[in-house]
C-alpha cells in the first residue's frame, strides 16, 4: 500500500493508506495533517496493487503550512505531483528527478503568491504493510 513521507523541517511523518493512520516522530513540531480527498485519490491510483509486479511511484507534496506561529501546527496538503517519465521506477526502488516536478511546484507557488509550497515527498511501497525507516 502507499504511504506518505513528509520531510523538511517537520522531521518525519508517515501516513499509512491501509488504515489511514499517521505516525509523527517525537521531534516533529507538526501535530496534524489535513490531506485533501483529491490528493488521496491521486496517490491511490499509483499504489502497488500487486506485490513486486508494479514499479514504485513517487512525487512531491504541495500545500500550506498553517498555525506555525500559534499553538496548533499543521500542514494542509492540497496537491501532489505524479510520476514523470524522467523518474526511475522499479518494483522496490525509485529515484525522483526534478524535471517536471519542480516546474509544477514553481507554477503553483507563483499562482498562489507563495502560499503553496513544497511540503515533502510521497512514494509507494510493494508491501501490504510498509514499515518506517525511523524509530
N, C-alpha and C. Protein backbone atom coordinates (compact mmCIF):
# COMPACT_ATOMS: atom_id res chain seq x y z
N UNK A 1 0.84 -1.18 0.00
CA UNK A 1 0.00 0.00 0.00
C UNK A 1 0.88 1.24 0.00
N UNK A 2 0.31 2.34 -0.40
CA UNK A 2 1.07 3.59 -0.46
C UNK A 2 1.22 4.21 0.91
N UNK A 3 2.26 4.97 1.04
CA UNK A 3 2.42 5.76 2.26
C UNK A 3 3.00 7.10 1.87
N UNK A 4 2.87 8.05 2.74
CA UNK A 4 3.38 9.39 2.51
C UNK A 4 4.46 9.67 3.52
N UNK A 5 5.55 10.24 3.08
CA UNK A 5 6.62 10.67 3.97
C UNK A 5 6.74 12.18 3.83
N UNK A 6 6.64 12.90 4.91
CA UNK A 6 6.88 14.34 4.89
C UNK A 6 8.24 14.60 5.48
N UNK A 7 9.00 15.46 4.84
CA UNK A 7 10.34 15.72 5.34
C UNK A 7 10.51 17.18 5.69
N UNK A 8 11.62 17.74 5.29
CA UNK A 8 11.96 19.13 5.51
C UNK A 8 12.11 19.38 7.01
N UNK A 9 11.60 20.48 7.50
CA UNK A 9 11.78 20.83 8.91
C UNK A 9 10.77 20.12 9.82
N UNK A 10 9.91 19.28 9.27
CA UNK A 10 8.91 18.59 10.06
C UNK A 10 9.43 17.28 10.61
N UNK A 11 10.69 16.99 10.37
CA UNK A 11 11.27 15.70 10.71
C UNK A 11 10.59 14.64 9.85
N UNK A 12 10.13 13.57 10.40
CA UNK A 12 9.49 12.54 9.59
C UNK A 12 8.07 12.27 10.06
N UNK A 13 7.18 12.19 9.10
CA UNK A 13 5.79 11.88 9.37
C UNK A 13 5.37 10.85 8.33
N UNK A 14 4.72 9.78 8.76
CA UNK A 14 4.26 8.74 7.84
C UNK A 14 2.76 8.68 7.84
N UNK A 15 2.20 8.43 6.67
CA UNK A 15 0.77 8.17 6.55
C UNK A 15 0.60 6.80 5.90
N UNK A 16 -0.15 5.92 6.53
CA UNK A 16 -0.39 4.58 6.00
C UNK A 16 -1.79 4.53 5.43
N UNK A 17 -1.91 4.33 4.12
CA UNK A 17 -3.22 4.35 3.48
C UNK A 17 -4.09 3.17 3.87
N UNK A 18 -3.48 2.04 4.25
CA UNK A 18 -4.30 0.88 4.54
C UNK A 18 -5.18 1.07 5.77
N UNK A 19 -4.75 1.91 6.71
CA UNK A 19 -5.59 2.14 7.89
C UNK A 19 -5.75 3.63 8.21
N UNK A 20 -5.36 4.49 7.28
CA UNK A 20 -5.49 5.94 7.44
C UNK A 20 -4.90 6.46 8.75
N UNK A 21 -3.75 5.95 9.12
CA UNK A 21 -3.13 6.38 10.37
C UNK A 21 -1.87 7.20 10.09
N UNK A 22 -1.58 8.10 11.00
CA UNK A 22 -0.39 8.94 10.92
C UNK A 22 0.58 8.54 12.01
N UNK A 23 1.87 8.63 11.72
CA UNK A 23 2.91 8.45 12.73
C UNK A 23 3.80 9.67 12.69
N UNK A 24 3.96 10.35 13.81
CA UNK A 24 4.81 11.53 13.91
C UNK A 24 6.05 11.17 14.71
N UNK A 25 7.20 11.63 14.26
CA UNK A 25 8.40 11.41 15.06
C UNK A 25 8.30 12.31 16.30
N UNK A 26 9.00 11.95 17.34
CA UNK A 26 8.91 12.70 18.60
C UNK A 26 9.46 14.12 18.47
N UNK A 27 10.26 14.39 17.44
CA UNK A 27 10.85 15.72 17.27
C UNK A 27 10.07 16.60 16.29
N UNK A 28 8.97 16.12 15.77
CA UNK A 28 8.20 16.88 14.79
C UNK A 28 7.37 17.96 15.47
N UNK A 29 7.45 19.23 14.98
CA UNK A 29 6.60 20.28 15.53
C UNK A 29 5.16 20.20 15.00
N UNK A 30 4.93 19.39 13.99
CA UNK A 30 3.61 19.25 13.40
C UNK A 30 2.81 18.23 14.20
N UNK A 31 1.56 18.58 14.52
CA UNK A 31 0.74 17.63 15.27
C UNK A 31 -0.52 17.23 14.52
N UNK A 32 -0.68 17.73 13.30
CA UNK A 32 -1.84 17.34 12.50
C UNK A 32 -1.53 17.59 11.02
N UNK A 33 -2.14 16.77 10.17
CA UNK A 33 -2.02 16.93 8.72
C UNK A 33 -3.40 16.81 8.12
N UNK A 34 -3.75 17.78 7.30
CA UNK A 34 -5.00 17.74 6.57
C UNK A 34 -4.65 17.40 5.12
N UNK A 35 -5.17 16.31 4.62
CA UNK A 35 -4.89 15.90 3.25
C UNK A 35 -6.20 15.92 2.48
N UNK A 36 -6.24 16.72 1.43
CA UNK A 36 -7.45 16.85 0.64
C UNK A 36 -7.81 15.50 0.01
N UNK A 37 -9.10 15.17 -0.10
CA UNK A 37 -9.52 13.90 -0.70
C UNK A 37 -8.96 13.68 -2.11
N UNK A 38 -8.84 14.75 -2.89
CA UNK A 38 -8.31 14.60 -4.25
C UNK A 38 -6.86 14.11 -4.24
N UNK A 39 -6.10 14.46 -3.20
CA UNK A 39 -4.72 14.01 -3.07
C UNK A 39 -4.69 12.51 -2.80
N UNK A 40 -5.53 12.06 -1.88
CA UNK A 40 -5.59 10.62 -1.59
C UNK A 40 -6.03 9.83 -2.81
N UNK A 41 -6.95 10.38 -3.59
CA UNK A 41 -7.40 9.69 -4.81
C UNK A 41 -6.26 9.56 -5.81
N UNK A 42 -5.46 10.61 -5.96
CA UNK A 42 -4.32 10.56 -6.89
C UNK A 42 -3.30 9.52 -6.44
N UNK A 43 -2.97 9.53 -5.15
CA UNK A 43 -1.99 8.57 -4.64
C UNK A 43 -2.52 7.15 -4.78
N UNK A 44 -3.80 6.96 -4.50
CA UNK A 44 -4.38 5.62 -4.58
C UNK A 44 -4.28 5.05 -5.99
N UNK A 45 -4.35 5.90 -7.01
CA UNK A 45 -4.22 5.45 -8.40
C UNK A 45 -2.84 4.86 -8.68
N UNK A 46 -1.85 5.25 -7.89
CA UNK A 46 -0.48 4.81 -8.12
C UNK A 46 0.01 3.77 -7.13
N UNK A 47 -0.85 3.33 -6.21
CA UNK A 47 -0.36 2.35 -5.25
C UNK A 47 -0.11 1.01 -5.94
N UNK A 48 0.82 0.26 -5.38
CA UNK A 48 1.20 -1.03 -5.95
C UNK A 48 0.21 -2.09 -5.48
N UNK A 49 -0.62 -2.52 -6.39
CA UNK A 49 -1.67 -3.48 -6.04
C UNK A 49 -1.20 -4.92 -6.14
N UNK A 50 -0.12 -5.15 -6.84
CA UNK A 50 0.44 -6.50 -6.95
C UNK A 50 1.86 -6.50 -6.44
N UNK A 51 2.14 -7.31 -5.45
CA UNK A 51 3.47 -7.34 -4.84
C UNK A 51 4.55 -7.57 -5.90
N UNK A 52 5.42 -6.59 -6.06
CA UNK A 52 6.56 -6.60 -6.98
C UNK A 52 6.18 -6.69 -8.46
N UNK A 53 4.90 -6.57 -8.80
CA UNK A 53 4.53 -6.61 -10.21
C UNK A 53 4.41 -5.21 -10.81
N UNK A 54 4.49 -4.20 -10.01
CA UNK A 54 4.42 -2.82 -10.48
C UNK A 54 5.59 -2.03 -9.91
N UNK A 55 5.97 -0.98 -10.60
CA UNK A 55 7.05 -0.13 -10.13
C UNK A 55 6.54 0.81 -9.04
N UNK A 56 7.44 1.16 -8.11
CA UNK A 56 7.09 2.16 -7.10
C UNK A 56 6.80 3.48 -7.80
N UNK A 57 5.98 4.30 -7.17
CA UNK A 57 5.64 5.62 -7.69
C UNK A 57 6.08 6.66 -6.68
N UNK A 58 6.34 7.87 -7.16
CA UNK A 58 6.82 8.91 -6.26
C UNK A 58 6.45 10.29 -6.80
N UNK A 59 6.50 11.25 -5.92
CA UNK A 59 6.22 12.64 -6.30
C UNK A 59 6.43 13.54 -5.09
N UNK A 60 6.06 14.81 -5.24
CA UNK A 60 6.21 15.75 -4.14
C UNK A 60 4.83 16.16 -3.63
N UNK A 61 4.80 16.53 -2.35
CA UNK A 61 3.59 17.00 -1.69
C UNK A 61 3.59 18.52 -1.70
N UNK A 62 2.47 19.11 -2.05
CA UNK A 62 2.35 20.56 -2.14
C UNK A 62 1.22 21.04 -1.25
N UNK A 63 1.38 22.19 -0.66
CA UNK A 63 0.31 22.73 0.16
C UNK A 63 0.77 23.88 1.03
N UNK A 64 0.10 24.03 2.16
CA UNK A 64 0.33 25.17 3.03
C UNK A 64 0.73 24.74 4.44
N UNK A 65 1.58 25.53 5.04
CA UNK A 65 1.90 25.38 6.46
C UNK A 65 0.90 26.27 7.20
N UNK A 66 0.28 25.74 8.23
CA UNK A 66 -0.74 26.50 8.96
C UNK A 66 -0.42 26.52 10.45
N UNK A 67 -0.71 27.65 11.08
CA UNK A 67 -0.61 27.75 12.52
C UNK A 67 0.78 27.69 13.10
N UNK A 68 1.81 27.94 12.34
CA UNK A 68 3.15 27.79 12.86
C UNK A 68 3.56 28.89 13.82
N UNK A 69 2.73 29.92 13.93
CA UNK A 69 3.03 30.97 14.92
C UNK A 69 2.15 30.81 16.15
N UNK A 70 1.20 29.88 16.09
CA UNK A 70 0.32 29.62 17.22
C UNK A 70 0.60 28.27 17.81
N UNK A 71 -0.30 27.81 18.63
CA UNK A 71 -0.11 26.52 19.29
C UNK A 71 -0.30 25.35 18.33
N UNK A 72 -1.34 25.38 17.53
CA UNK A 72 -1.64 24.28 16.61
C UNK A 72 -0.80 24.44 15.35
N UNK A 73 0.02 23.45 15.07
CA UNK A 73 0.83 23.46 13.86
C UNK A 73 0.39 22.31 12.98
N UNK A 74 -0.05 22.62 11.76
CA UNK A 74 -0.47 21.55 10.87
C UNK A 74 -0.14 21.89 9.43
N UNK A 75 -0.21 20.87 8.62
CA UNK A 75 0.03 21.00 7.19
C UNK A 75 -1.27 20.72 6.46
N UNK A 76 -1.53 21.49 5.42
CA UNK A 76 -2.69 21.27 4.56
C UNK A 76 -2.15 20.85 3.19
N UNK A 77 -2.21 19.55 2.90
CA UNK A 77 -1.71 19.04 1.62
C UNK A 77 -2.81 19.18 0.59
N UNK A 78 -2.59 20.04 -0.40
CA UNK A 78 -3.62 20.36 -1.39
C UNK A 78 -3.39 19.72 -2.75
N UNK A 79 -2.15 19.27 -3.03
CA UNK A 79 -1.86 18.71 -4.34
C UNK A 79 -0.59 17.89 -4.26
N UNK A 80 -0.35 17.09 -5.27
CA UNK A 80 0.88 16.31 -5.39
C UNK A 80 1.31 16.31 -6.85
N UNK A 81 2.57 15.99 -7.07
CA UNK A 81 2.97 15.67 -8.44
C UNK A 81 2.89 14.16 -8.59
N UNK A 82 2.68 13.75 -9.81
CA UNK A 82 2.62 12.32 -10.15
C UNK A 82 3.94 11.92 -10.79
N UNK A 83 4.21 10.64 -10.91
CA UNK A 83 5.47 10.23 -11.55
C UNK A 83 5.60 10.79 -12.97
N UNK A 84 6.81 11.20 -13.30
CA UNK A 84 7.14 11.68 -14.64
C UNK A 84 7.98 10.62 -15.35
N UNK A 85 8.03 10.70 -16.66
CA UNK A 85 8.82 9.75 -17.45
C UNK A 85 10.31 9.82 -17.10
N UNK A 86 10.75 10.93 -16.54
CA UNK A 86 12.16 11.09 -16.19
C UNK A 86 12.51 10.43 -14.86
N UNK A 87 11.52 10.05 -14.07
CA UNK A 87 11.77 9.34 -12.81
C UNK A 87 12.19 7.90 -13.12
N UNK A 88 13.07 7.37 -12.29
CA UNK A 88 13.48 5.98 -12.42
C UNK A 88 12.64 5.18 -11.43
N UNK A 89 11.86 4.24 -11.96
CA UNK A 89 10.92 3.48 -11.13
C UNK A 89 11.14 1.99 -11.30
N UNK A 90 11.32 1.30 -10.17
CA UNK A 90 11.48 -0.16 -10.15
C UNK A 90 10.52 -0.73 -9.10
N UNK A 91 10.33 -2.03 -9.05
CA UNK A 91 9.38 -2.61 -8.08
C UNK A 91 9.71 -2.32 -6.61
N UNK A 92 10.98 -2.13 -6.28
CA UNK A 92 11.33 -1.88 -4.89
C UNK A 92 12.21 -0.65 -4.71
N UNK A 93 12.22 0.25 -5.68
CA UNK A 93 13.04 1.45 -5.58
C UNK A 93 12.56 2.50 -6.56
N UNK A 94 12.93 3.74 -6.30
CA UNK A 94 12.63 4.83 -7.22
C UNK A 94 13.66 5.92 -7.03
N UNK A 95 13.85 6.71 -8.06
CA UNK A 95 14.64 7.94 -7.98
C UNK A 95 13.79 9.02 -8.65
N UNK A 96 13.38 10.00 -7.85
CA UNK A 96 12.58 11.09 -8.38
C UNK A 96 13.52 12.16 -8.91
N UNK A 97 13.41 12.46 -10.20
CA UNK A 97 14.18 13.53 -10.79
C UNK A 97 13.44 14.85 -10.60
N UNK A 98 14.14 15.96 -10.71
CA UNK A 98 13.50 17.26 -10.51
C UNK A 98 12.68 17.69 -11.72
N UNK A 99 13.04 17.19 -12.90
CA UNK A 99 12.36 17.61 -14.13
C UNK A 99 10.86 17.34 -14.04
N UNK A 100 10.07 18.34 -14.32
CA UNK A 100 8.62 18.22 -14.26
C UNK A 100 8.08 18.57 -12.89
N UNK A 101 8.58 17.93 -11.86
CA UNK A 101 8.11 18.18 -10.50
C UNK A 101 8.38 19.63 -10.09
N UNK A 102 9.60 20.10 -10.33
CA UNK A 102 9.98 21.46 -9.94
C UNK A 102 9.18 22.50 -10.72
N UNK A 103 8.98 22.27 -12.00
CA UNK A 103 8.22 23.23 -12.82
C UNK A 103 6.78 23.34 -12.34
N UNK A 104 6.17 22.22 -11.97
CA UNK A 104 4.80 22.22 -11.46
C UNK A 104 4.73 22.99 -10.14
N UNK A 105 5.67 22.73 -9.23
CA UNK A 105 5.73 23.44 -7.96
C UNK A 105 5.92 24.93 -8.19
N UNK A 106 6.85 25.30 -9.05
CA UNK A 106 7.12 26.71 -9.32
C UNK A 106 5.87 27.43 -9.82
N UNK A 107 5.10 26.78 -10.70
CA UNK A 107 3.88 27.39 -11.25
C UNK A 107 2.83 27.59 -10.16
N UNK A 108 2.59 26.57 -9.34
CA UNK A 108 1.60 26.71 -8.26
C UNK A 108 2.05 27.73 -7.21
N UNK A 109 3.33 27.76 -6.92
CA UNK A 109 3.88 28.73 -5.96
C UNK A 109 3.63 30.15 -6.47
N UNK A 110 3.87 30.35 -7.75
CA UNK A 110 3.68 31.67 -8.36
C UNK A 110 2.20 32.05 -8.39
N UNK A 111 1.34 31.14 -8.84
CA UNK A 111 -0.10 31.41 -8.92
C UNK A 111 -0.70 31.72 -7.54
N UNK A 112 -0.19 31.08 -6.50
CA UNK A 112 -0.73 31.26 -5.15
C UNK A 112 -0.04 32.39 -4.39
N UNK A 113 0.85 33.11 -5.06
CA UNK A 113 1.63 34.18 -4.43
C UNK A 113 2.41 33.67 -3.20
N UNK A 114 2.96 32.47 -3.34
CA UNK A 114 3.81 31.90 -2.31
C UNK A 114 3.10 31.06 -1.26
N UNK A 115 1.78 30.99 -1.33
CA UNK A 115 1.02 30.23 -0.33
C UNK A 115 1.27 28.73 -0.47
N UNK A 116 1.27 28.21 -1.71
CA UNK A 116 1.50 26.79 -1.95
C UNK A 116 3.01 26.56 -2.01
N UNK A 117 3.47 25.60 -1.20
CA UNK A 117 4.89 25.34 -1.06
C UNK A 117 5.17 23.84 -1.12
N UNK A 118 6.44 23.52 -1.27
CA UNK A 118 6.91 22.14 -1.15
C UNK A 118 6.76 21.73 0.31
N UNK A 119 6.10 20.59 0.56
CA UNK A 119 5.94 20.10 1.93
C UNK A 119 6.69 18.79 2.18
N UNK A 120 7.01 18.07 1.13
CA UNK A 120 7.70 16.80 1.33
C UNK A 120 7.55 15.89 0.14
N UNK A 121 7.72 14.61 0.39
CA UNK A 121 7.73 13.59 -0.65
C UNK A 121 6.68 12.52 -0.35
N UNK A 122 6.20 11.88 -1.38
CA UNK A 122 5.36 10.69 -1.21
C UNK A 122 5.91 9.60 -2.12
N UNK A 123 5.75 8.37 -1.70
CA UNK A 123 6.08 7.24 -2.58
C UNK A 123 5.34 6.00 -2.12
N UNK A 124 5.23 5.06 -3.02
CA UNK A 124 4.53 3.82 -2.72
C UNK A 124 5.51 2.75 -2.26
N UNK A 125 4.96 1.69 -1.68
CA UNK A 125 5.74 0.53 -1.24
C UNK A 125 5.05 -0.73 -1.74
N UNK A 126 5.82 -1.77 -2.06
CA UNK A 126 5.20 -3.01 -2.52
C UNK A 126 4.61 -3.86 -1.41
N UNK A 127 4.96 -3.60 -0.16
CA UNK A 127 4.47 -4.41 0.94
C UNK A 127 3.02 -4.06 1.27
N UNK A 128 2.29 -5.00 1.81
CA UNK A 128 0.94 -4.71 2.28
C UNK A 128 0.96 -3.77 3.47
N UNK A 129 1.97 -3.93 4.32
CA UNK A 129 2.14 -3.03 5.47
C UNK A 129 3.57 -2.51 5.41
N UNK A 130 3.72 -1.24 5.04
CA UNK A 130 5.05 -0.63 4.94
C UNK A 130 5.57 -0.31 6.33
N UNK A 131 6.87 -0.48 6.51
CA UNK A 131 7.50 -0.23 7.79
C UNK A 131 8.37 1.03 7.68
N UNK A 132 8.16 2.02 8.56
CA UNK A 132 9.00 3.22 8.52
C UNK A 132 10.47 2.89 8.75
N UNK A 133 11.34 3.72 8.21
CA UNK A 133 12.78 3.52 8.35
C UNK A 133 13.34 4.27 9.54
N UNK A 134 12.50 4.82 10.39
CA UNK A 134 12.95 5.56 11.56
C UNK A 134 12.26 5.02 12.80
N UNK A 135 12.83 5.36 13.97
CA UNK A 135 12.21 4.95 15.23
C UNK A 135 11.29 6.03 15.74
